[in-house]
Amino acid sequence: MQGLSSPPSDRLSAPRVLVADDDETSLCFLGDALHRLGAIVTLSPDGSSALDRARSEIFDLLILDCRMPGGDAESVLRDLRNTHEAHSVCAPAVASSAEIDAQARRRLLAAGFHAVLLKPCTLSDLRDILALAVTDRQKLPLLDDGQALSAGGSPAVVQALRGLFYQELITIDRELETLCQDAKTLEARLHKLRSSCGFCGAISLGEHAASLQQHLKLSHQGAMLPLGEFRQSLRQTIQALGTP
């Protein structure tokens, strides 16, 4: 099925939403309703096609049905989060179903879903769900030379600091999986990293480190969505530092 496009004037700011559901009526309603709310919608009739789209395209929100062929909501989300290079690895996800009891709701939230959508739903329900969409990934700069110069005092000092910072990020990227096995160790490492980000003007990475640090302090259960965002920003910053 093809995506539903929002009016041309809204395309730059409209959230991109992937909806996966094997029920044609539900798929049609959700696609049309989200489109009326200003979203650019892509429809998938099963889990396997939804996973392929989420891996190869950037979406700001995923709405996944709990029972569909080719992979249910939980398996699709698990496989997506484990594919670090997937384009939508960090996208917030919502599980949808016609019947969800309290135990199932807790399980889905613990599995990393941001919310649970009970069908049939209303436009008001979808408006609340759409508020979860992330549309400002590119808002924060990777490197701010002005901030770095303000901290370092001269281009030579900034260059030296960023050389050390580059090696620090390479080490973190290599050791991240091990660090994640101990929340206290990871939180302490993030605390140190934020200081380095400030000295080197790494705005995006500093914000993502702070978000992940706060997540760890609150002891959230389930998949750490901020971890995927942090990893992505980490690697983008490494690439930016390595570019002459």
C-alpha atoms as a PDB file:
ATOM      1  CA  MET A   1       0.000   0.000   0.000  1.00  0.00           C
ATOM      2  CA  GLN A   2       1.152   3.512  -0.701  1.00  0.00           C
ATOM      3  CA  GLY A   3       1.663   6.269   1.845  1.00  0.00           C
ATOM      4  CA  LEU A   4      -0.889   9.035   2.179  1.00  0.00           C
ATOM      5  CA  SER A   5       0.636  12.457   1.617  1.00  0.00           C
ATOM      6  CA  SER A   6      -0.236  15.603   3.509  1.00  0.00           C
ATOM      7  CA  PRO A   7      -0.819  18.867   1.646  1.00  0.00           C
ATOM      8  CA  PRO A   8       2.420  20.176   0.057  1.00  0.00           C
ATOM      9  CA  SER A   9       2.664  23.209   2.342  1.00  0.00           C
ATOM     10  CA  ASP A  10       2.738  20.933   5.404  1.00  0.00           C
ATOM     11  CA  ARG A  11       5.197  18.311   4.198  1.00  0.00           C
ATOM     12  CA  LEU A  12       8.319  19.799   5.774  1.00  0.00           C
ATOM     13  CA  SER A  13       6.873  19.816   9.289  1.00  0.00           C
ATOM     14  CA  ALA A  14       4.380  16.932   9.065  1.00  0.00           C
ATOM     15  CA  PRO A  15       5.277  13.852  11.135  1.00  0.00           C
ATOM     16  CA  ARG A  16       5.887  10.648   9.166  1.00  0.00           C
ATOM     17  CA  VAL A  17       3.894   7.757  10.631  1.00  0.00           C
ATOM     18  CA  LEU A  18       4.095   4.040   9.832  1.00  0.00           C
ATOM     19  CA  VAL A  19       0.888   2.096  10.573  1.00  0.00           C
ATOM     20  CA  ALA A  20       0.957  -1.720  10.465  1.00  0.00           C
ATOM     21  CA  ASP A  21      -2.274  -3.701  10.758  1.00  0.00           C
ATOM     22  CA  ASP A  22      -3.633  -6.786   8.996  1.00  0.00           C
ATOM     23  CA  ASP A  23      -7.245  -5.608   9.337  1.00  0.00           C
ATOM     24  CA  GLU A  24      -8.052  -3.606   6.225  1.00  0.00           C
ATOM     25  CA  THR A  25     -10.796  -1.570   7.904  1.00  0.00           C
ATOM     26  CA  SER A  26      -8.547  -0.574  10.809  1.00  0.00           C
ATOM     27  CA  LEU A  27      -5.721   0.246   8.418  1.00  0.00           C
ATOM     28  CA  CYS A  28      -7.982   2.417   6.290  1.00  0.00           C
ATOM     29  CA  PHE A  29      -9.418   4.307   9.281  1.00  0.00           C
ATOM     30  CA  LEU A  30      -6.066   4.898  10.950  1.00  0.00           C
ATOM     31  CA  GLY A  31      -4.449   6.028   7.719  1.00  0.00           C
ATOM     32  CA  ASP A  32      -7.248   8.440   6.852  1.00  0.00           C
ATOM     33  CA  ALA A  33      -7.596   9.810  10.390  1.00  0.00           C
ATOM     34  CA  LEU A  34      -3.865  10.434  10.819  1.00  0.00           C
ATOM     35  CA  HIS A  35      -3.757  12.056   7.396  1.00  0.00           C
ATOM     36  CA  ARG A  36      -6.563  14.428   8.443  1.00  0.00           C
ATOM     37  CA  LEU A  37      -4.538  15.265  11.546  1.00  0.00           C
ATOM     38  CA  GLY A  38      -1.647  16.370   9.330  1.00  0.00           C
ATOM     39  CA  ALA A  39       0.577  13.295   9.208  1.00  0.00           C
ATOM     40  CA  ILE A  40       2.302  11.680   6.247  1.00  0.00           C
ATOM     41  CA  VAL A  41       1.166   8.071   6.574  1.00  0.00           C
ATOM     42  CA  THR A  42       2.638   4.826   5.252  1.00  0.00           C
ATOM     43  CA  LEU A  43       0.534   1.674   5.577  1.00  0.00           C
ATOM     44  CA  SER A  44       1.772  -1.907   6.008  1.00  0.00           C
ATOM     45  CA  PRO A  45      -0.502  -4.989   6.075  1.00  0.00           C
ATOM     46  CA  ASP A  46       1.820  -7.231   8.124  1.00  0.00           C
ATOM     47  CA  GLY A  47       4.758  -7.267  10.483  1.00  0.00           C
ATOM     48  CA  SER A  48       7.481  -8.250   8.039  1.00  0.00           C
ATOM     49  CA  SER A  49       6.731  -5.428   5.598  1.00  0.00           C
ATOM     50  CA  ALA A  50       6.476  -2.959   8.496  1.00  0.00           C
ATOM     51  CA  LEU A  51       9.905  -4.021   9.753  1.00  0.00           C
ATOM     52  CA  ASP A  52      11.402  -3.638   6.277  1.00  0.00           C
ATOM     53  CA  ARG A  53       9.960  -0.123   5.924  1.00  0.00           C
ATOM     54  CA  ALA A  54      11.101   0.927   9.403  1.00  0.00           C
ATOM     55  CA  ARG A  55      14.609  -0.318   8.683  1.00  0.00           C
ATOM     56  CA  SER A  56      14.915   1.454   5.336  1.00  0.00           C
ATOM     57  CA  GLU A  57      12.935   4.693   5.924  1.00  0.00           C
ATOM     58  CA  ILE A  58      12.803   7.406   8.582  1.00  0.00           C
ATOM     59  CA  PHE A  59       9.534   7.554  10.516  1.00  0.00           C
ATOM     60  CA  ASP A  60       8.664   9.804  13.444  1.00  0.00           C
ATOM     61  CA  LEU A  61       6.131   7.369  14.914  1.00  0.00           C
ATOM     62  CA  LEU A  62       5.249   3.668  14.584  1.00  0.00           C
ATOM     63  CA  ILE A  63       1.770   2.235  15.261  1.00  0.00           C
ATOM     64  CA  LEU A  64       1.976  -1.569  15.316  1.00  0.00           C
ATOM     65  CA  ASP A  65      -0.876  -4.053  15.708  1.00  0.00           C
ATOM     66  CA  CYS A  66      -0.446  -6.695  18.406  1.00  0.00           C
ATOM     67  CA  ARG A  67      -1.742  -9.533  16.204  1.00  0.00           C
ATOM     68  CA  MET A  68      -0.721  -9.665  12.558  1.00  0.00           C
ATOM     69  CA  PRO A  69       1.051 -12.109  10.242  1.00  0.00           C
ATOM     70  CA  GLY A  70       4.764 -11.743   9.690  1.00  0.00           C
ATOM     71  CA  GLY A  71       5.437 -10.613  13.260  1.00  0.00           C
ATOM     72  CA  ASP A  72       3.357  -9.054  16.020  1.00  0.00           C
ATOM     73  CA  ALA A  73       3.993  -5.614  17.514  1.00  0.00           C
ATOM     74  CA  GLU A  74       6.442  -6.851  20.139  1.00  0.00           C
ATOM     75  CA  SER A  75       8.593  -8.893  17.764  1.00  0.00           C
ATOM     76  CA  VAL A  76       8.686  -6.116  15.160  1.00  0.00           C
ATOM     77  CA  LEU A  77       9.777  -3.559  17.754  1.00  0.00           C
ATOM     78  CA  ARG A  78      12.359  -5.924  19.267  1.00  0.00           C
ATOM     79  CA  ASP A  79      13.924  -6.686  15.878  1.00  0.00           C
ATOM     80  CA  LEU A  80      13.925  -3.005  14.940  1.00  0.00           C
ATOM     81  CA  ARG A  81      15.608  -1.868  18.175  1.00  0.00           C
ATOM     82  CA  ASN A  82      18.258  -4.562  17.693  1.00  0.00           C
ATOM     83  CA  THR A  83      19.103  -3.247  14.212  1.00  0.00           C
ATOM     84  CA  HIS A  84      21.222  -0.264  15.227  1.00  0.00           C
ATOM     85  CA  GLU A  85      21.678   0.977  11.662  1.00  0.00           C
ATOM     86  CA  ALA A  86      17.921   0.960  10.958  1.00  0.00           C
ATOM     87  CA  HIS A  87      16.649   4.374   9.880  1.00  0.00           C
ATOM     88  CA  SER A  88      13.758   4.345  12.386  1.00  0.00           C
ATOM     89  CA  VAL A  89      15.530   2.585  15.260  1.00  0.00           C
ATOM     90  CA  CYS A  90      14.779   5.535  17.582  1.00  0.00           C
ATOM     91  CA  ALA A  91      11.181   6.185  16.535  1.00  0.00           C
ATOM     92  CA  PRO A  92       8.580   6.107  19.352  1.00  0.00           C
ATOM     93  CA  ALA A  93       6.253   3.108  19.029  1.00  0.00           C
ATOM     94  CA  VAL A  94       2.603   2.528  19.929  1.00  0.00           C
ATOM     95  CA  ALA A  95       1.001  -0.917  20.231  1.00  0.00           C
ATOM     96  CA  SER A  96      -2.589  -1.201  18.969  1.00  0.00           C
ATOM     97  CA  SER A  97      -5.175  -3.894  19.671  1.00  0.00           C
ATOM     98  CA  ALA A  98      -8.921  -4.486  19.923  1.00  0.00           C
ATOM     99  CA  GLU A  99      -8.510  -5.953  23.400  1.00  0.00           C
ATOM    100  CA  ILE A 100      -5.792  -5.204  25.951  1.00  0.00           C
ATOM    101  CA  ASP A 101      -6.059  -6.062  29.633  1.00  0.00           C
ATOM    102  CA  ALA A 102      -3.990  -4.462  32.389  1.00  0.00           C
ATOM    103  CA  GLN A 103      -1.377  -7.219  32.361  1.00  0.00           C
ATOM    104  CA  ALA A 104      -0.870  -6.978  28.593  1.00  0.00           C
ATOM    105  CA  ARG A 105      -0.623  -3.195  28.816  1.00  0.00           C
ATOM    106  CA  ARG A 106       2.125  -3.448  31.445  1.00  0.00           C
ATOM    107  CA  ARG A 107       3.990  -6.007  29.333  1.00  0.00           C
ATOM    108  CA  LEU A 108       3.857  -3.817  26.230  1.00  0.00           C
ATOM    109  CA  LEU A 109       5.070  -0.722  28.078  1.00  0.00           C
ATOM    110  CA  ALA A 110       7.878  -2.758  29.641  1.00  0.00           C
ATOM    111  CA  ALA A 111       8.823  -3.957  26.141  1.00  0.00           C
ATOM    112  CA  GLY A 112       9.519  -0.359  25.118  1.00  0.00           C
ATOM    113  CA  PHE A 113       6.241   0.909  23.701  1.00  0.00           C
ATOM    114  CA  HIS A 114       5.445   4.529  24.515  1.00  0.00           C
ATOM    115  CA  ALA A 115       1.691   3.951  24.619  1.00  0.00           C
ATOM    116  CA  VAL A 116      -1.083   1.464  23.916  1.00  0.00           C
ATOM    117  CA  LEU A 117      -3.937   2.277  21.523  1.00  0.00           C
ATOM    118  CA  LEU A 118      -7.237   0.471  22.052  1.00  0.00           C
ATOM    119  CA  LYS A 119      -9.330  -0.014  18.897  1.00  0.00           C
ATOM    120  CA  PRO A 120     -11.803   1.276  17.932  1.00  0.00           C
ATOM    121  CA  CYS A 121     -10.334   4.689  18.679  1.00  0.00           C
ATOM    122  CA  THR A 122     -11.323   8.296  18.074  1.00  0.00           C
ATOM    123  CA  LEU A 123      -9.646  11.242  16.402  1.00  0.00           C
ATOM    124  CA  SER A 124      -8.979  12.621  19.860  1.00  0.00           C
ATOM    125  CA  ASP A 125      -7.161   9.405  20.813  1.00  0.00           C
ATOM    126  CA  LEU A 126      -5.031   9.625  17.676  1.00  0.00           C
ATOM    127  CA  ARG A 127      -4.268  13.301  18.267  1.00  0.00           C
ATOM    128  CA  ASP A 128      -2.805  12.351  21.642  1.00  0.00           C
ATOM    129  CA  ILE A 129      -0.839   9.499  20.039  1.00  0.00           C
ATOM    130  CA  LEU A 130       0.467  11.774  17.297  1.00  0.00           C
ATOM    131  CA  ALA A 131       1.930  14.082  19.951  1.00  0.00           C
ATOM    132  CA  LEU A 132       4.516  11.353  20.594  1.00  0.00           C
ATOM    133  CA  ALA A 133       6.022  11.839  17.129  1.00  0.00           C
ATOM    134  CA  VAL A 134       9.573  13.154  17.052  1.00  0.00           C
ATOM    135  CA  THR A 135      10.072  15.633  14.209  1.00  0.00           C
ATOM    136  CA  ASP A 136      13.097  17.665  15.340  1.00  0.00           C
ATOM    137  CA  ARG A 137      16.001  15.199  15.031  1.00  0.00           C
ATOM    138  CA  GLN A 138      18.059  17.717  13.092  1.00  0.00           C
ATOM    139  CA  LYS A 139      17.266  20.659  15.374  1.00  0.00           C
ATOM    140  CA  LEU A 140      20.410  20.435  17.502  1.00  0.00           C
ATOM    141  CA  PRO A 141      23.813  20.993  15.834  1.00  0.00           C
ATOM    142  CA  LEU A 142      26.413  18.256  16.128  1.00  0.00           C
ATOM    143  CA  LEU A 143      29.261  20.727  16.717  1.00  0.00           C
ATOM    144  CA  ASP A 144      29.011  24.367  17.781  1.00  0.00           C
ATOM    145  CA  ASP A 145      32.352  26.099  17.096  1.00  0.00           C
ATOM    146  CA  GLY A 146      31.254  29.228  18.952  1.00  0.00           C
ATOM    147  CA  GLN A 147      30.624  27.330  22.185  1.00  0.00           C
ATOM    148  CA  ALA A 148      33.897  25.427  21.803  1.00  0.00           C
ATOM    149  CA  LEU A 149      35.875  28.644  21.229  1.00  0.00           C
ATOM    150  CA  SER A 150      34.187  30.269  24.215  1.00  0.00           C
ATOM    151  CA  ALA A 151      35.325  27.358  26.389  1.00  0.00           C
ATOM    152  CA  GLY A 152      38.745  26.743  24.849  1.00  0.00           C
ATOM    153  CA  GLY A 153      39.802  30.296  24.109  1.00  0.00           C
ATOM    154  CA  SER A 154      41.577  29.685  20.810  1.00  0.00           C
ATOM    155  CA  PRO A 155      41.243  27.516  17.659  1.00  0.00           C
ATOM    156  CA  ALA A 156      44.435  25.648  18.565  1.00  0.00           C
ATOM    157  CA  VAL A 157      43.089  24.669  21.977  1.00  0.00           C
ATOM    158  CA  VAL A 158      39.733  23.648  20.486  1.00  0.00           C
ATOM    159  CA  GLN A 159      41.500  21.468  17.914  1.00  0.00           C
ATOM    160  CA  ALA A 160      43.535  19.780  20.635  1.00  0.00           C
ATOM    161  CA  LEU A 161      40.482  19.206  22.843  1.00  0.00           C
ATOM    162  CA  ARG A 162      38.481  17.793  19.967  1.00  0.00           C
ATOM    163  CA  GLY A 163      41.313  15.416  19.124  1.00  0.00           C
ATOM    164  CA  LEU A 164      41.125  13.986  22.648  1.00  0.00           C
ATOM    165  CA  PHE A 165      37.321  14.054  22.497  1.00  0.00           C
ATOM    166  CA  TYR A 166      37.339  12.057  19.259  1.00  0.00           C
ATOM    167  CA  GLN A 167      39.356   9.281  20.900  1.00  0.00           C
ATOM    168  CA  GLU A 168      37.049   9.364  23.920  1.00  0.00           C
ATOM    169  CA  LEU A 169      33.997   8.857  21.701  1.00  0.00           C
ATOM    170  CA  ILE A 170      35.636   6.005  19.794  1.00  0.00           C
ATOM    171  CA  THR A 171      36.284   4.263  23.124  1.00  0.00           C
ATOM    172  CA  ILE A 172      32.699   4.804  24.325  1.00  0.00           C
ATOM    173  CA  ASP A 173      31.281   3.486  21.059  1.00  0.00           C
ATOM    174  CA  ARG A 174      33.436   0.365  21.344  1.00  0.00           C
ATOM    175  CA  GLU A 175      32.561  -0.231  25.011  1.00  0.00           C
ATOM    176  CA  LEU A 176      28.905   0.873  24.988  1.00  0.00           C
ATOM    177  CA  GLU A 177      27.389  -2.613  25.103  1.00  0.00           C
ATOM    178  CA  THR A 178      29.534  -3.473  28.140  1.00  0.00           C
ATOM    179  CA  LEU A 179      28.732  -0.165  29.835  1.00  0.00           C
ATOM    180  CA  CYS A 180      25.012  -0.832  29.393  1.00  0.00           C
ATOM    181  CA  GLN A 181      25.244  -3.935  31.558  1.00  0.00           C
ATOM    182  CA  ASP A 182      25.615  -1.734  34.663  1.00  0.00           C
ATOM    183  CA  ALA A 183      23.338   1.309  34.916  1.00  0.00           C
ATOM    184  CA  LYS A 184      25.474   3.021  37.582  1.00  0.00           C
ATOM    185  CA  THR A 185      28.651   2.634  35.528  1.00  0.00           C
ATOM    186  CA  LEU A 186      26.927   3.954  32.415  1.00  0.00           C
ATOM    187  CA  GLU A 187      25.410   6.900  34.292  1.00  0.00           C
ATOM    188  CA  ALA A 188      28.817   7.858  35.713  1.00  0.00           C
ATOM    189  CA  ARG A 189      30.380   7.653  32.243  1.00  0.00           C
ATOM    190  CA  LEU A 190      27.653   9.879  30.822  1.00  0.00           C
ATOM    191  CA  HIS A 191      28.292  12.428  33.581  1.00  0.00           C
ATOM    192  CA  LYS A 192      31.933  12.734  32.502  1.00  0.00           C
ATOM    193  CA  LEU A 193      30.999  12.774  28.826  1.00  0.00           C
ATOM    194  CA  ARG A 194      28.694  15.762  29.263  1.00  0.00           C
ATOM    195  CA  SER A 195      31.628  17.850  30.506  1.00  0.00           C
ATOM    196  CA  SER A 196      33.639  16.902  27.430  1.00  0.00           C
ATOM    197  CA  CYS A 197      30.674  17.757  25.196  1.00  0.00           C
ATOM    198  CA  GLY A 198      30.499  21.219  26.756  1.00  0.00           C
ATOM    199  CA  PHE A 199      34.196  21.941  26.215  1.00  0.00           C
ATOM    200  CA  CYS A 200      34.052  20.720  22.594  1.00  0.00           C
ATOM    201  CA  GLY A 201      30.693  22.214  21.584  1.00  0.00           C
ATOM    202  CA  ALA A 202      29.046  18.824  20.973  1.00  0.00           C
ATOM    203  CA  ILE A 203      25.488  20.115  21.475  1.00  0.00           C
ATOM    204  CA  SER A 204      23.485  17.162  20.165  1.00  0.00           C
ATOM    205  CA  LEU A 205      25.508  14.492  21.940  1.00  0.00           C
ATOM    206  CA  GLY A 206      25.417  16.437  25.207  1.00  0.00           C
ATOM    207  CA  GLU A 207      21.615  16.625  25.097  1.00  0.00           C
ATOM    208  CA  HIS A 208      21.248  12.941  24.252  1.00  0.00           C
ATOM    209  CA  ALA A 209      23.667  12.007  27.027  1.00  0.00           C
ATOM    210  CA  ALA A 210      21.604  14.069  29.482  1.00  0.00           C
ATOM    211  CA  SER A 211      18.392  12.395  28.300  1.00  0.00           C
ATOM    212  CA  LEU A 212      19.865   8.916  28.737  1.00  0.00           C
ATOM    213  CA  GLN A 213      21.334   9.870  32.107  1.00  0.00           C
ATOM    214  CA  GLN A 214      17.923  11.067  33.330  1.00  0.00           C
ATOM    215  CA  HIS A 215      16.329   7.850  32.042  1.00  0.00           C
ATOM    216  CA  LEU A 216      18.818   5.807  34.082  1.00  0.00           C
ATOM    217  CA  LYS A 217      18.267   7.892  37.229  1.00  0.00           C
ATOM    218  CA  LEU A 218      14.513   7.291  37.004  1.00  0.00           C
ATOM    219  CA  SER A 219      15.116   3.527  36.700  1.00  0.00           C
ATOM    220  CA  HIS A 220      12.746   3.109  33.749  1.00  0.00           C
ATOM    221  CA  GLN A 221      11.904  -0.471  32.848  1.00  0.00           C
ATOM    222  CA  GLY A 222      11.949  -1.974  29.387  1.00  0.00           C
ATOM    223  CA  ALA A 223      13.947  -1.000  26.332  1.00  0.00           C
ATOM    224  CA  MET A 224      15.911   2.225  26.723  1.00  0.00           C
ATOM    225  CA  LEU A 225      14.751   4.289  23.761  1.00  0.00           C
ATOM    226  CA  PRO A 226      17.133   7.145  24.658  1.00  0.00           C
ATOM    227  CA  LEU A 227      19.997   4.645  24.230  1.00  0.00           C
ATOM    228  CA  GLY A 228      19.278   4.286  20.521  1.00  0.00           C
ATOM    229  CA  GLU A 229      19.125   8.068  20.118  1.00  0.00           C
ATOM    230  CA  PHE A 230      22.365   8.458  22.083  1.00  0.00           C
ATOM    231  CA  ARG A 231      24.158   5.846  19.978  1.00  0.00           C
ATOM    232  CA  GLN A 232      23.016   7.542  16.780  1.00  0.00           C
ATOM    233  CA  SER A 233      24.190  10.971  17.964  1.00  0.00           C
ATOM    234  CA  LEU A 234      27.469   9.466  19.192  1.00  0.00           C
ATOM    235  CA  ARG A 235      28.300   8.024  15.792  1.00  0.00           C
ATOM    236  CA  GLN A 236      27.213  11.162  13.951  1.00  0.00           C
ATOM    237  CA  THR A 237      29.492  13.232  16.188  1.00  0.00           C
ATOM    238  CA  ILE A 238      32.399  10.854  15.594  1.00  0.00           C
ATOM    239  CA  GLN A 239      31.838  11.242  11.874  1.00  0.00           C
ATOM    240  CA  ALA A 240      31.666  15.036  12.146  1.00  0.00           C
ATOM    241  CA  LEU A 241      34.887  15.191  14.175  1.00  0.00           C
ATOM    242  CA  GLY A 242      36.627  12.938  11.687  1.00  0.00           C
ATOM    243  CA  THR A 243      35.663  15.156   8.740  1.00  0.00           C
ATOM    244  CA  PRO A 244      38.396  17.712   7.869  1.00  0.00           C
END
